[in-house]
């Protein structure tokens, strides 16, 4: 029986990327050495990181003046590194979920932090609108996709102050106008690679305009963008897998093609939820995520939740248990999840409904 991987992260990856990584761990390009035992400063690994950066720039159509970095520490480290570098007077944050709250919490340790809007009043089931960002803010921080609550900002918003986005869980799922951002970042372990690597795309003129405080060398972005610099050993294996995932994404036709596929997958599942007698969605319709689809049992069938969890597992569904903040179920439909898996989940839901 096939296992369908709906995990929220670490998550499903392209099979070809996994297989090519496994081969490279045994022998990288026939050099007689493993990917994980060669020097990160060798020409063999330099070729890996150069190709990953080039593919990222190509897929995004990245404008001049931006740097692509692969770092350690996860998005959570960036929560503190961003205000450490850039908060001088005031920072503005949009609070749309747990990770957005954590990012704002770290910012408050470095200076005045304004929450311009929050959806906490409805357990983060919508994206706030009609908020005002202070014109004197040093930057405005958003979280584009909220894995726990299944909401997403699916367009590149216009901001009058420098815009920074945590795109951990929807990066490269759609075309993105990077010119509207001074920085985007995220953990790789959702859409583009395994856990252990963090991507950062940062505009050079913003990067160099830092706060007047002591910033440890490791936490200065310019340390990592210096020509020829790999200040410390990067996460070599995850970067290789990212490269292979980017190659796979390019082979599909790039970001417009993957967005079309993601919309189709999400629509199939949302249609099944909306037409169901026993299931219902949790996010407001105009805020629904294409990446993390959250749903619960309707109140009158709430006692059937555990039964459905057991049934779905018996049918090969993995990772659909909802986060404890929301309960119910969550199907993460990242880029590499095949349409076949979504159809299998829908069939599973319909079969279970016939028994209730």
C-alpha atoms as a PDB file:
ATOM      1  CA  UNK A   1       0.000   0.000   0.000  1.00  0.00           C
ATOM      2  CA  UNK A   2       1.314   3.436  -0.930  1.00  0.00           C
ATOM      3  CA  UNK A   3       1.803   5.921   1.893  1.00  0.00           C
ATOM      4  CA  UNK A   4       0.562   9.443   1.124  1.00  0.00           C
ATOM      5  CA  UNK A   5       2.662  12.024   2.951  1.00  0.00           C
ATOM      6  CA  UNK A   6       0.653  15.060   4.114  1.00  0.00           C
ATOM      7  CA  UNK A   7       3.157  16.053   6.818  1.00  0.00           C
ATOM      8  CA  UNK A   8       3.445  19.769   7.583  1.00  0.00           C
ATOM      9  CA  UNK A   9       7.245  19.640   7.719  1.00  0.00           C
ATOM     10  CA  UNK A  10       9.687  18.084   7.313  1.00  0.00           C
ATOM     11  CA  UNK A  11       7.574  17.213   4.357  1.00  0.00           C
ATOM     12  CA  UNK A  12       7.252  15.389   1.073  1.00  0.00           C
ATOM     13  CA  UNK A  13      10.076  15.948  -1.416  1.00  0.00           C
ATOM     14  CA  UNK A  14      10.450  14.988  -5.103  1.00  0.00           C
ATOM     15  CA  UNK A  15      11.491  11.356  -5.386  1.00  0.00           C
ATOM     16  CA  UNK A  16      14.232  12.255  -7.851  1.00  0.00           C
ATOM     17  CA  UNK A  17      15.742  14.717  -5.357  1.00  0.00           C
ATOM     18  CA  UNK A  18      15.777  12.069  -2.630  1.00  0.00           C
ATOM     19  CA  UNK A  19      17.307   9.447  -4.927  1.00  0.00           C
ATOM     20  CA  UNK A  20      20.001  11.779  -6.256  1.00  0.00           C
ATOM     21  CA  UNK A  21      20.874  12.877  -2.725  1.00  0.00           C
ATOM     22  CA  UNK A  22      21.196   9.259  -1.647  1.00  0.00           C
ATOM     23  CA  UNK A  23      23.567   8.600  -4.568  1.00  0.00           C
ATOM     24  CA  UNK A  24      25.647  11.673  -3.731  1.00  0.00           C
ATOM     25  CA  UNK A  25      25.953  10.581  -0.110  1.00  0.00           C
ATOM     26  CA  UNK A  26      27.528   7.357  -1.365  1.00  0.00           C
ATOM     27  CA  UNK A  27      29.596   8.987  -4.133  1.00  0.00           C
ATOM     28  CA  UNK A  28      29.363  12.582  -5.363  1.00  0.00           C
ATOM     29  CA  UNK A  29      29.565  12.693  -9.160  1.00  0.00           C
ATOM     30  CA  UNK A  30      31.911   9.710  -9.338  1.00  0.00           C
ATOM     31  CA  UNK A  31      34.742  11.362  -7.383  1.00  0.00           C
ATOM     32  CA  UNK A  32      35.012   8.413  -5.004  1.00  0.00           C
ATOM     33  CA  UNK A  33      33.985  10.487  -1.992  1.00  0.00           C
ATOM     34  CA  UNK A  34      30.687  11.105  -0.238  1.00  0.00           C
ATOM     35  CA  UNK A  35      28.964  14.478  -0.363  1.00  0.00           C
ATOM     36  CA  UNK A  36      29.048  14.523   3.427  1.00  0.00           C
ATOM     37  CA  UNK A  37      32.784  13.932   3.766  1.00  0.00           C
ATOM     38  CA  UNK A  38      34.283  16.447   1.320  1.00  0.00           C
ATOM     39  CA  UNK A  39      35.410  19.964   2.149  1.00  0.00           C
ATOM     40  CA  UNK A  40      32.757  22.633   1.760  1.00  0.00           C
ATOM     41  CA  UNK A  41      35.495  24.726   0.129  1.00  0.00           C
ATOM     42  CA  UNK A  42      36.294  22.111  -2.502  1.00  0.00           C
ATOM     43  CA  UNK A  43      35.515  22.785  -6.156  1.00  0.00           C
ATOM     44  CA  UNK A  44      33.089  19.863  -6.074  1.00  0.00           C
ATOM     45  CA  UNK A  45      30.900  21.437  -3.404  1.00  0.00           C
ATOM     46  CA  UNK A  46      31.369  24.954  -4.761  1.00  0.00           C
ATOM     47  CA  UNK A  47      29.770  23.691  -7.958  1.00  0.00           C
ATOM     48  CA  UNK A  48      26.780  22.449  -5.932  1.00  0.00           C
ATOM     49  CA  UNK A  49      26.147  25.744  -4.184  1.00  0.00           C
ATOM     50  CA  UNK A  50      26.765  27.775  -7.345  1.00  0.00           C
ATOM     51  CA  UNK A  51      24.163  25.745  -9.225  1.00  0.00           C
ATOM     52  CA  UNK A  52      21.649  26.048  -6.367  1.00  0.00           C
ATOM     53  CA  UNK A  53      22.035  29.833  -6.297  1.00  0.00           C
ATOM     54  CA  UNK A  54      21.781  30.088 -10.088  1.00  0.00           C
ATOM     55  CA  UNK A  55      18.618  27.964 -10.176  1.00  0.00           C
ATOM     56  CA  UNK A  56      17.043  30.040  -7.411  1.00  0.00           C
ATOM     57  CA  UNK A  57      17.739  33.258  -9.296  1.00  0.00           C
ATOM     58  CA  UNK A  58      16.399  31.786 -12.529  1.00  0.00           C
ATOM     59  CA  UNK A  59      13.176  30.402 -11.072  1.00  0.00           C
ATOM     60  CA  UNK A  60      12.378  33.646  -9.232  1.00  0.00           C
ATOM     61  CA  UNK A  61      13.556  35.960 -12.006  1.00  0.00           C
ATOM     62  CA  UNK A  62      15.576  37.611  -9.251  1.00  0.00           C
ATOM     63  CA  UNK A  63      16.440  41.268  -9.941  1.00  0.00           C
ATOM     64  CA  UNK A  64      19.967  42.590  -9.701  1.00  0.00           C
ATOM     65  CA  UNK A  65      21.081  43.679  -6.254  1.00  0.00           C
ATOM     66  CA  UNK A  66      19.811  40.647  -4.307  1.00  0.00           C
ATOM     67  CA  UNK A  67      21.854  37.929  -2.621  1.00  0.00           C
ATOM     68  CA  UNK A  68      20.850  34.268  -2.160  1.00  0.00           C
ATOM     69  CA  UNK A  69      22.118  32.632   1.028  1.00  0.00           C
ATOM     70  CA  UNK A  70      21.830  29.161   2.500  1.00  0.00           C
ATOM     71  CA  UNK A  71      22.400  29.273   6.266  1.00  0.00           C
ATOM     72  CA  UNK A  72      21.819  27.173   9.368  1.00  0.00           C
ATOM     73  CA  UNK A  73      19.613  27.896  12.357  1.00  0.00           C
ATOM     74  CA  UNK A  74      16.162  27.746  10.822  1.00  0.00           C
ATOM     75  CA  UNK A  75      13.673  30.576  10.415  1.00  0.00           C
ATOM     76  CA  UNK A  76      13.542  30.906  14.198  1.00  0.00           C
ATOM     77  CA  UNK A  77      17.113  32.235  14.232  1.00  0.00           C
ATOM     78  CA  UNK A  78      16.124  34.807  11.622  1.00  0.00           C
ATOM     79  CA  UNK A  79      13.363  36.029  13.968  1.00  0.00           C
ATOM     80  CA  UNK A  80      16.093  37.512  16.170  1.00  0.00           C
ATOM     81  CA  UNK A  81      18.718  38.228  13.507  1.00  0.00           C
ATOM     82  CA  UNK A  82      16.407  40.551  11.560  1.00  0.00           C
ATOM     83  CA  UNK A  83      15.706  43.043  14.371  1.00  0.00           C
ATOM     84  CA  UNK A  84      19.289  42.710  15.602  1.00  0.00           C
ATOM     85  CA  UNK A  85      20.421  44.045  12.234  1.00  0.00           C
ATOM     86  CA  UNK A  86      17.639  46.353  11.133  1.00  0.00           C
ATOM     87  CA  UNK A  87      15.544  47.635  14.040  1.00  0.00           C
ATOM     88  CA  UNK A  88      16.658  51.188  14.725  1.00  0.00           C
ATOM     89  CA  UNK A  89      13.514  53.107  15.664  1.00  0.00           C
ATOM     90  CA  UNK A  90      10.454  50.920  15.202  1.00  0.00           C
ATOM     91  CA  UNK A  91       9.447  47.648  13.563  1.00  0.00           C
ATOM     92  CA  UNK A  92       5.965  46.675  12.339  1.00  0.00           C
ATOM     93  CA  UNK A  93       4.575  43.122  12.362  1.00  0.00           C
ATOM     94  CA  UNK A  94       1.408  41.483  11.040  1.00  0.00           C
ATOM     95  CA  UNK A  95       0.280  38.820  13.529  1.00  0.00           C
ATOM     96  CA  UNK A  96      -1.307  35.929  11.664  1.00  0.00           C
ATOM     97  CA  UNK A  97      -0.312  32.899  13.711  1.00  0.00           C
ATOM     98  CA  UNK A  98       2.130  31.238  16.079  1.00  0.00           C
ATOM     99  CA  UNK A  99       5.246  31.852  13.986  1.00  0.00           C
ATOM    100  CA  UNK A 100       4.338  35.485  13.342  1.00  0.00           C
ATOM    101  CA  UNK A 101       3.900  35.930  17.108  1.00  0.00           C
ATOM    102  CA  UNK A 102       7.288  34.342  17.778  1.00  0.00           C
ATOM    103  CA  UNK A 103       8.949  36.649  15.262  1.00  0.00           C
ATOM    104  CA  UNK A 104       7.385  39.725  16.887  1.00  0.00           C
ATOM    105  CA  UNK A 105       8.393  38.509  20.344  1.00  0.00           C
ATOM    106  CA  UNK A 106      12.046  38.396  19.306  1.00  0.00           C
ATOM    107  CA  UNK A 107      11.766  41.879  17.802  1.00  0.00           C
ATOM    108  CA  UNK A 108      10.519  43.326  21.088  1.00  0.00           C
ATOM    109  CA  UNK A 109      13.859  42.447  22.639  1.00  0.00           C
ATOM    110  CA  UNK A 110      15.599  44.936  20.347  1.00  0.00           C
ATOM    111  CA  UNK A 111      13.233  47.900  20.324  1.00  0.00           C
ATOM    112  CA  UNK A 112       9.734  49.237  19.733  1.00  0.00           C
ATOM    113  CA  UNK A 113       7.603  46.702  17.920  1.00  0.00           C
ATOM    114  CA  UNK A 114       4.122  47.556  16.624  1.00  0.00           C
ATOM    115  CA  UNK A 115       1.532  44.867  15.842  1.00  0.00           C
ATOM    116  CA  UNK A 116      -0.353  46.544  12.986  1.00  0.00           C
ATOM    117  CA  UNK A 117      -3.131  43.930  13.000  1.00  0.00           C
ATOM    118  CA  UNK A 118      -3.880  40.490  14.413  1.00  0.00           C
ATOM    119  CA  UNK A 119      -6.295  37.672  13.677  1.00  0.00           C
ATOM    120  CA  UNK A 120      -5.908  36.191  17.161  1.00  0.00           C
ATOM    121  CA  UNK A 121      -9.527  37.134  17.937  1.00  0.00           C
ATOM    122  CA  UNK A 122     -10.713  34.261  15.724  1.00  0.00           C
ATOM    123  CA  UNK A 123      -7.884  31.845  16.449  1.00  0.00           C
ATOM    124  CA  UNK A 124      -5.997  33.069  13.365  1.00  0.00           C
ATOM    125  CA  UNK A 125      -8.512  31.730  10.861  1.00  0.00           C
ATOM    126  CA  UNK A 126      -8.214  34.772   8.559  1.00  0.00           C
ATOM    127  CA  UNK A 127      -5.691  37.255   7.170  1.00  0.00           C
ATOM    128  CA  UNK A 128      -6.294  40.796   8.503  1.00  0.00           C
ATOM    129  CA  UNK A 129      -7.083  43.575   6.030  1.00  0.00           C
ATOM    130  CA  UNK A 130      -7.253  47.380   6.045  1.00  0.00           C
ATOM    131  CA  UNK A 131      -4.448  47.859   8.537  1.00  0.00           C
ATOM    132  CA  UNK A 132      -2.059  50.807   8.606  1.00  0.00           C
ATOM    133  CA  UNK A 133       1.703  50.358   8.726  1.00  0.00           C
ATOM    134  CA  UNK A 134       3.547  53.201  10.504  1.00  0.00           C
ATOM    135  CA  UNK A 135       5.393  55.259   7.901  1.00  0.00           C
ATOM    136  CA  UNK A 136       8.404  55.571  10.208  1.00  0.00           C
ATOM    137  CA  UNK A 137       8.844  51.813  10.669  1.00  0.00           C
ATOM    138  CA  UNK A 138      12.254  50.455   9.744  1.00  0.00           C
ATOM    139  CA  UNK A 139      10.572  47.451   8.171  1.00  0.00           C
ATOM    140  CA  UNK A 140       7.248  45.604   7.979  1.00  0.00           C
ATOM    141  CA  UNK A 141       7.346  41.853   8.675  1.00  0.00           C
ATOM    142  CA  UNK A 142       4.750  39.367   7.430  1.00  0.00           C
ATOM    143  CA  UNK A 143       4.372  35.599   7.483  1.00  0.00           C
ATOM    144  CA  UNK A 144       2.962  34.624   4.102  1.00  0.00           C
ATOM    145  CA  UNK A 145       1.624  31.179   5.012  1.00  0.00           C
ATOM    146  CA  UNK A 146       0.458  29.899   8.374  1.00  0.00           C
ATOM    147  CA  UNK A 147       0.949  26.159   8.592  1.00  0.00           C
ATOM    148  CA  UNK A 148      -0.987  25.660  11.803  1.00  0.00           C
ATOM    149  CA  UNK A 149      -4.133  27.567  10.845  1.00  0.00           C
ATOM    150  CA  UNK A 150      -4.246  27.059   7.080  1.00  0.00           C
ATOM    151  CA  UNK A 151      -4.235  30.712   6.001  1.00  0.00           C
ATOM    152  CA  UNK A 152      -2.079  32.363   3.359  1.00  0.00           C
ATOM    153  CA  UNK A 153      -1.247  35.736   1.845  1.00  0.00           C
ATOM    154  CA  UNK A 154      -1.291  34.673  -1.782  1.00  0.00           C
ATOM    155  CA  UNK A 155      -0.343  37.963  -3.425  1.00  0.00           C
ATOM    156  CA  UNK A 156       2.736  40.161  -3.089  1.00  0.00           C
ATOM    157  CA  UNK A 157       1.438  43.115  -1.114  1.00  0.00           C
ATOM    158  CA  UNK A 158       2.501  46.717  -1.688  1.00  0.00           C
ATOM    159  CA  UNK A 159       4.252  48.249   1.290  1.00  0.00           C
ATOM    160  CA  UNK A 160       5.356  51.833   1.828  1.00  0.00           C
ATOM    161  CA  UNK A 161       8.145  50.666   4.145  1.00  0.00           C
ATOM    162  CA  UNK A 162      10.721  47.899   3.541  1.00  0.00           C
ATOM    163  CA  UNK A 163       8.889  44.555   3.421  1.00  0.00           C
ATOM    164  CA  UNK A 164      10.295  41.367   4.948  1.00  0.00           C
ATOM    165  CA  UNK A 165       8.523  38.010   4.637  1.00  0.00           C
ATOM    166  CA  UNK A 166       8.865  34.678   6.359  1.00  0.00           C
ATOM    167  CA  UNK A 167       7.996  32.365   3.450  1.00  0.00           C
ATOM    168  CA  UNK A 168       8.952  29.117   5.135  1.00  0.00           C
ATOM    169  CA  UNK A 169       5.933  27.148   4.005  1.00  0.00           C
ATOM    170  CA  UNK A 170       4.869  28.588   0.642  1.00  0.00           C
ATOM    171  CA  UNK A 171       8.168  29.625  -0.928  1.00  0.00           C
ATOM    172  CA  UNK A 172       8.401  28.696  -4.628  1.00  0.00           C
ATOM    173  CA  UNK A 173       4.780  27.530  -4.661  1.00  0.00           C
ATOM    174  CA  UNK A 174       3.834  30.446  -6.959  1.00  0.00           C
ATOM    175  CA  UNK A 175       5.508  33.250  -8.919  1.00  0.00           C
ATOM    176  CA  UNK A 176       6.762  35.928  -6.510  1.00  0.00           C
ATOM    177  CA  UNK A 177       7.724  39.519  -7.288  1.00  0.00           C
ATOM    178  CA  UNK A 178      10.838  39.682  -5.138  1.00  0.00           C
ATOM    179  CA  UNK A 179      11.318  43.357  -6.038  1.00  0.00           C
ATOM    180  CA  UNK A 180       8.505  44.146  -3.582  1.00  0.00           C
ATOM    181  CA  UNK A 181      10.556  42.730  -0.698  1.00  0.00           C
ATOM    182  CA  UNK A 182      13.862  43.696   0.837  1.00  0.00           C
ATOM    183  CA  UNK A 183      14.156  40.215   2.307  1.00  0.00           C
ATOM    184  CA  UNK A 184      12.438  36.837   2.181  1.00  0.00           C
ATOM    185  CA  UNK A 185      13.534  33.869   4.239  1.00  0.00           C
ATOM    186  CA  UNK A 186      12.458  30.551   5.640  1.00  0.00           C
ATOM    187  CA  UNK A 187      13.269  27.038   6.689  1.00  0.00           C
ATOM    188  CA  UNK A 188      13.801  24.718   3.738  1.00  0.00           C
ATOM    189  CA  UNK A 189      11.884  21.784   5.198  1.00  0.00           C
ATOM    190  CA  UNK A 190       8.494  22.494   3.641  1.00  0.00           C
ATOM    191  CA  UNK A 191       8.803  22.989  -0.108  1.00  0.00           C
ATOM    192  CA  UNK A 192      12.439  23.053  -1.137  1.00  0.00           C
ATOM    193  CA  UNK A 193      14.541  20.644   0.880  1.00  0.00           C
ATOM    194  CA  UNK A 194      15.161  18.768   4.116  1.00  0.00           C
ATOM    195  CA  UNK A 195      15.522  20.267   7.567  1.00  0.00           C
ATOM    196  CA  UNK A 196      18.856  21.895   8.317  1.00  0.00           C
ATOM    197  CA  UNK A 197      19.071  24.677   5.737  1.00  0.00           C
ATOM    198  CA  UNK A 198      17.588  28.162   5.846  1.00  0.00           C
ATOM    199  CA  UNK A 199      17.208  30.251   2.699  1.00  0.00           C
ATOM    200  CA  UNK A 200      17.643  34.030   2.786  1.00  0.00           C
ATOM    201  CA  UNK A 201      17.180  36.352  -0.165  1.00  0.00           C
ATOM    202  CA  UNK A 202      18.177  39.879   0.746  1.00  0.00           C
ATOM    203  CA  UNK A 203      18.529  43.197  -1.058  1.00  0.00           C
ATOM    204  CA  UNK A 204      22.041  44.541  -0.807  1.00  0.00           C
ATOM    205  CA  UNK A 205      21.288  48.192  -0.057  1.00  0.00           C
ATOM    206  CA  UNK A 206      18.923  47.189   2.765  1.00  0.00           C
ATOM    207  CA  UNK A 207      21.407  44.660   4.114  1.00  0.00           C
ATOM    208  CA  UNK A 208      24.117  47.297   4.486  1.00  0.00           C
ATOM    209  CA  UNK A 209      21.909  49.812   6.312  1.00  0.00           C
ATOM    210  CA  UNK A 210      22.200  48.242   9.751  1.00  0.00           C
ATOM    211  CA  UNK A 211      21.456  49.382  13.279  1.00  0.00           C
ATOM    212  CA  UNK A 212      24.105  51.040  15.438  1.00  0.00           C
ATOM    213  CA  UNK A 213      24.613  48.203  17.895  1.00  0.00           C
ATOM    214  CA  UNK A 214      27.068  45.392  18.342  1.00  0.00           C
ATOM    215  CA  UNK A 215      26.121  42.612  15.936  1.00  0.00           C
ATOM    216  CA  UNK A 216      28.179  39.425  16.228  1.00  0.00           C
ATOM    217  CA  UNK A 217      30.008  38.593  13.022  1.00  0.00           C
ATOM    218  CA  UNK A 218      28.017  35.425  12.422  1.00  0.00           C
ATOM    219  CA  UNK A 219      24.746  37.369  12.563  1.00  0.00           C
ATOM    220  CA  UNK A 220      25.708  40.068  10.045  1.00  0.00           C
ATOM    221  CA  UNK A 221      24.242  39.232   6.651  1.00  0.00           C
ATOM    222  CA  UNK A 222      27.193  40.925   4.913  1.00  0.00           C
ATOM    223  CA  UNK A 223      29.452  38.298   6.475  1.00  0.00           C
ATOM    224  CA  UNK A 224      27.743  35.674   4.336  1.00  0.00           C
ATOM    225  CA  UNK A 225      27.469  37.719   1.141  1.00  0.00           C
ATOM    226  CA  UNK A 226      31.141  38.691   0.964  1.00  0.00           C
ATOM    227  CA  UNK A 227      32.631  37.533  -2.318  1.00  0.00           C
ATOM    228  CA  UNK A 228      33.773  33.950  -2.092  1.00  0.00           C
ATOM    229  CA  UNK A 229      32.659  33.725   1.520  1.00  0.00           C
ATOM    230  CA  UNK A 230      31.455  30.672   3.326  1.00  0.00           C
ATOM    231  CA  UNK A 231      32.075  32.044   6.794  1.00  0.00           C
ATOM    232  CA  UNK A 232      31.359  28.718   8.447  1.00  0.00           C
ATOM    233  CA  UNK A 233      30.544  25.261   7.177  1.00  0.00           C
ATOM    234  CA  UNK A 234      27.104  25.363   5.553  1.00  0.00           C
ATOM    235  CA  UNK A 235      24.546  22.527   5.733  1.00  0.00           C
ATOM    236  CA  UNK A 236      26.024  20.708   2.748  1.00  0.00           C
ATOM    237  CA  UNK A 237      23.609  17.805   2.380  1.00  0.00           C
ATOM    238  CA  UNK A 238      20.410  19.898   2.609  1.00  0.00           C
ATOM    239  CA  UNK A 239      21.849  22.373   0.074  1.00  0.00           C
ATOM    240  CA  UNK A 240      22.472  19.508  -2.357  1.00  0.00           C
ATOM    241  CA  UNK A 241      18.865  18.351  -1.953  1.00  0.00           C
ATOM    242  CA  UNK A 242      17.651  21.927  -2.477  1.00  0.00           C
ATOM    243  CA  UNK A 243      19.623  22.037  -5.734  1.00  0.00           C
ATOM    244  CA  UNK A 244      18.010  18.804  -6.884  1.00  0.00           C
ATOM    245  CA  UNK A 245      14.557  20.053  -5.889  1.00  0.00           C
ATOM    246  CA  UNK A 246      15.093  23.280  -7.826  1.00  0.00           C
ATOM    247  CA  UNK A 247      16.154  21.251 -10.879  1.00  0.00           C
ATOM    248  CA  UNK A 248      12.951  19.224 -10.553  1.00  0.00           C
ATOM    249  CA  UNK A 249      10.877  22.384 -10.250  1.00  0.00           C
ATOM    250  CA  UNK A 250      12.489  23.845 -13.351  1.00  0.00           C
ATOM    251  CA  UNK A 251      11.793  20.626 -15.270  1.00  0.00           C
ATOM    252  CA  UNK A 252       8.076  20.987 -14.515  1.00  0.00           C
ATOM    253  CA  UNK A 253       7.994  24.433 -16.116  1.00  0.00           C
ATOM    254  CA  UNK A 254       8.838  26.676 -13.176  1.00  0.00           C
ATOM    255  CA  UNK A 255       6.672  28.638 -10.781  1.00  0.00           C
ATOM    256  CA  UNK A 256       3.699  29.311 -13.056  1.00  0.00           C
ATOM    257  CA  UNK A 257       3.394  25.600 -13.724  1.00  0.00           C
ATOM    258  CA  UNK A 258       3.686  24.578 -10.082  1.00  0.00           C
ATOM    259  CA  UNK A 259       1.163  27.223  -9.032  1.00  0.00           C
ATOM    260  CA  UNK A 260      -1.362  25.779 -11.497  1.00  0.00           C
ATOM    261  CA  UNK A 261      -0.771  22.312 -10.069  1.00  0.00           C
ATOM    262  CA  UNK A 262      -1.065  23.543  -6.491  1.00  0.00           C
ATOM    263  CA  UNK A 263      -4.334  25.359  -7.201  1.00  0.00           C
ATOM    264  CA  UNK A 264      -5.762  22.226  -8.802  1.00  0.00           C
ATOM    265  CA  UNK A 265      -4.793  20.030  -5.840  1.00  0.00           C
ATOM    266  CA  UNK A 266      -6.159  22.478  -3.283  1.00  0.00           C
ATOM    267  CA  UNK A 267      -9.437  22.938  -5.173  1.00  0.00           C
ATOM    268  CA  UNK A 268     -10.001  19.182  -5.276  1.00  0.00           C
ATOM    269  CA  UNK A 269      -9.646  18.897  -1.519  1.00  0.00           C
ATOM    270  CA  UNK A 270     -11.500  22.098  -0.612  1.00  0.00           C
ATOM    271  CA  UNK A 271     -14.396  21.056  -2.885  1.00  0.00           C
ATOM    272  CA  UNK A 272     -14.580  17.721  -1.078  1.00  0.00           C
ATOM    273  CA  UNK A 273     -14.589  19.448   2.315  1.00  0.00           C
ATOM    274  CA  UNK A 274     -17.207  22.028   1.314  1.00  0.00           C
ATOM    275  CA  UNK A 275     -19.544  19.416  -0.155  1.00  0.00           C
ATOM    276  CA  UNK A 276     -19.164  17.020   2.757  1.00  0.00           C
ATOM    277  CA  UNK A 277     -21.922  16.170   5.184  1.00  0.00           C
ATOM    278  CA  UNK A 278     -19.492  15.562   8.063  1.00  0.00           C
ATOM    279  CA  UNK A 279     -16.373  17.694   7.406  1.00  0.00           C
ATOM    280  CA  UNK A 280     -15.923  21.478   7.381  1.00  0.00           C
ATOM    281  CA  UNK A 281     -13.037  23.866   6.769  1.00  0.00           C
ATOM    282  CA  UNK A 282     -11.601  26.125   9.473  1.00  0.00           C
ATOM    283  CA  UNK A 283     -10.085  29.065   7.570  1.00  0.00           C
ATOM    284  CA  UNK A 284     -12.176  31.874   6.096  1.00  0.00           C
ATOM    285  CA  UNK A 285     -12.736  31.367   2.370  1.00  0.00           C
ATOM    286  CA  UNK A 286     -10.681  34.333   1.151  1.00  0.00           C
ATOM    287  CA  UNK A 287      -7.755  33.444   3.423  1.00  0.00           C
ATOM    288  CA  UNK A 288      -7.424  29.743   2.631  1.00  0.00           C
ATOM    289  CA  UNK A 289      -3.958  28.338   2.094  1.00  0.00           C
ATOM    290  CA  UNK A 290      -2.934  26.287  -0.914  1.00  0.00           C
ATOM    291  CA  UNK A 291      -0.234  24.629   1.176  1.00  0.00           C
ATOM    292  CA  UNK A 292      -1.926  23.608   4.446  1.00  0.00           C
ATOM    293  CA  UNK A 293      -5.589  22.653   4.272  1.00  0.00           C
ATOM    294  CA  UNK A 294      -7.200  22.513   7.710  1.00  0.00           C
ATOM    295  CA  UNK A 295     -10.572  20.914   8.394  1.00  0.00           C
ATOM    296  CA  UNK A 296     -12.545  19.428  11.270  1.00  0.00           C
ATOM    297  CA  UNK A 297     -15.591  17.308  11.873  1.00  0.00           C
ATOM    298  CA  UNK A 298     -18.841  19.255  11.966  1.00  0.00           C
ATOM    299  CA  UNK A 299     -19.978  19.649  15.605  1.00  0.00           C
ATOM    300  CA  UNK A 300     -22.588  16.928  15.376  1.00  0.00           C
ATOM    301  CA  UNK A 301     -19.929  14.437  14.227  1.00  0.00           C
ATOM    302  CA  UNK A 302     -17.089  15.563  16.517  1.00  0.00           C
ATOM    303  CA  UNK A 303     -16.991  12.228  18.300  1.00  0.00           C
ATOM    304  CA  UNK A 304     -15.964  10.571  14.998  1.00  0.00           C
ATOM    305  CA  UNK A 305     -12.599  12.347  14.830  1.00  0.00           C
ATOM    306  CA  UNK A 306     -10.517   9.521  16.272  1.00  0.00           C
ATOM    307  CA  UNK A 307     -12.346   6.985  14.164  1.00  0.00           C
ATOM    308  CA  UNK A 308     -11.498   8.905  11.003  1.00  0.00           C
ATOM    309  CA  UNK A 309      -7.852   9.238  12.061  1.00  0.00           C
ATOM    310  CA  UNK A 310      -7.628   5.459  12.427  1.00  0.00           C
ATOM    311  CA  UNK A 311      -9.502   4.854   9.182  1.00  0.00           C
ATOM    312  CA  UNK A 312      -7.326   7.256   7.199  1.00  0.00           C
ATOM    313  CA  UNK A 313      -4.165   5.654   8.540  1.00  0.00           C
ATOM    314  CA  UNK A 314      -5.425   2.260   7.421  1.00  0.00           C
ATOM    315  CA  UNK A 315      -5.807   3.735   3.930  1.00  0.00           C
ATOM    316  CA  UNK A 316      -2.217   4.982   3.790  1.00  0.00           C
ATOM    317  CA  UNK A 317      -2.722   8.603   4.846  1.00  0.00           C
ATOM    318  CA  UNK A 318       0.177   9.971   6.913  1.00  0.00           C
ATOM    319  CA  UNK A 319       0.554  13.288   8.709  1.00  0.00           C
ATOM    320  CA  UNK A 320      -3.024  14.564   8.587  1.00  0.00           C
ATOM    321  CA  UNK A 321      -3.551  15.124  12.304  1.00  0.00           C
ATOM    322  CA  UNK A 322      -4.233  18.806  12.924  1.00  0.00           C
ATOM    323  CA  UNK A 323      -2.094  20.950  15.186  1.00  0.00           C
ATOM    324  CA  UNK A 324      -3.278  20.992  18.797  1.00  0.00           C
ATOM    325  CA  UNK A 325      -4.104  24.735  18.443  1.00  0.00           C
ATOM    326  CA  UNK A 326      -6.807  23.913  15.911  1.00  0.00           C
ATOM    327  CA  UNK A 327      -7.522  20.218  16.305  1.00  0.00           C
ATOM    328  CA  UNK A 328      -9.096  18.161  13.576  1.00  0.00           C
ATOM    329  CA  UNK A 329      -7.067  17.491  10.471  1.00  0.00           C
ATOM    330  CA  UNK A 330      -4.454  19.188   8.309  1.00  0.00           C
ATOM    331  CA  UNK A 331      -3.421  18.067   4.843  1.00  0.00           C
ATOM    332  CA  UNK A 332      -0.237  19.769   3.693  1.00  0.00           C
ATOM    333  CA  UNK A 333      -0.248  19.862  -0.102  1.00  0.00           C
ATOM    334  CA  UNK A 334       3.257  21.137  -0.825  1.00  0.00           C
ATOM    335  CA  UNK A 335       4.789  21.232  -4.303  1.00  0.00           C
ATOM    336  CA  UNK A 336       6.031  17.647  -4.319  1.00  0.00           C
ATOM    337  CA  UNK A 337       2.765  16.094  -3.137  1.00  0.00           C
ATOM    338  CA  UNK A 338       1.239  14.389  -6.186  1.00  0.00           C
ATOM    339  CA  UNK A 339      -2.360  14.943  -7.230  1.00  0.00           C
ATOM    340  CA  UNK A 340      -2.770  11.181  -6.775  1.00  0.00           C
ATOM    341  CA  UNK A 341      -2.346  11.601  -3.020  1.00  0.00           C
ATOM    342  CA  UNK A 342      -5.024  14.308  -2.829  1.00  0.00           C
ATOM    343  CA  UNK A 343      -7.428  12.121  -4.773  1.00  0.00           C
ATOM    344  CA  UNK A 344      -6.666   9.223  -2.424  1.00  0.00           C
ATOM    345  CA  UNK A 345      -7.454  11.395   0.603  1.00  0.00           C
ATOM    346  CA  UNK A 346     -10.717  12.573  -0.946  1.00  0.00           C
ATOM    347  CA  UNK A 347     -11.702   8.963  -1.687  1.00  0.00           C
ATOM    348  CA  UNK A 348     -10.825   8.077   1.909  1.00  0.00           C
ATOM    349  CA  UNK A 349     -12.994  10.899   3.267  1.00  0.00           C
ATOM    350  CA  UNK A 350     -15.939   9.916   1.088  1.00  0.00           C
ATOM    351  CA  UNK A 351     -15.643   6.242   1.994  1.00  0.00           C
ATOM    352  CA  UNK A 352     -15.590   7.086   5.695  1.00  0.00           C
ATOM    353  CA  UNK A 353     -18.565   9.427   5.318  1.00  0.00           C
ATOM    354  CA  UNK A 354     -20.612   6.598   3.843  1.00  0.00           C
ATOM    355  CA  UNK A 355     -20.142   4.662   7.091  1.00  0.00           C
ATOM    356  CA  UNK A 356     -21.385   7.482   9.349  1.00  0.00           C
END
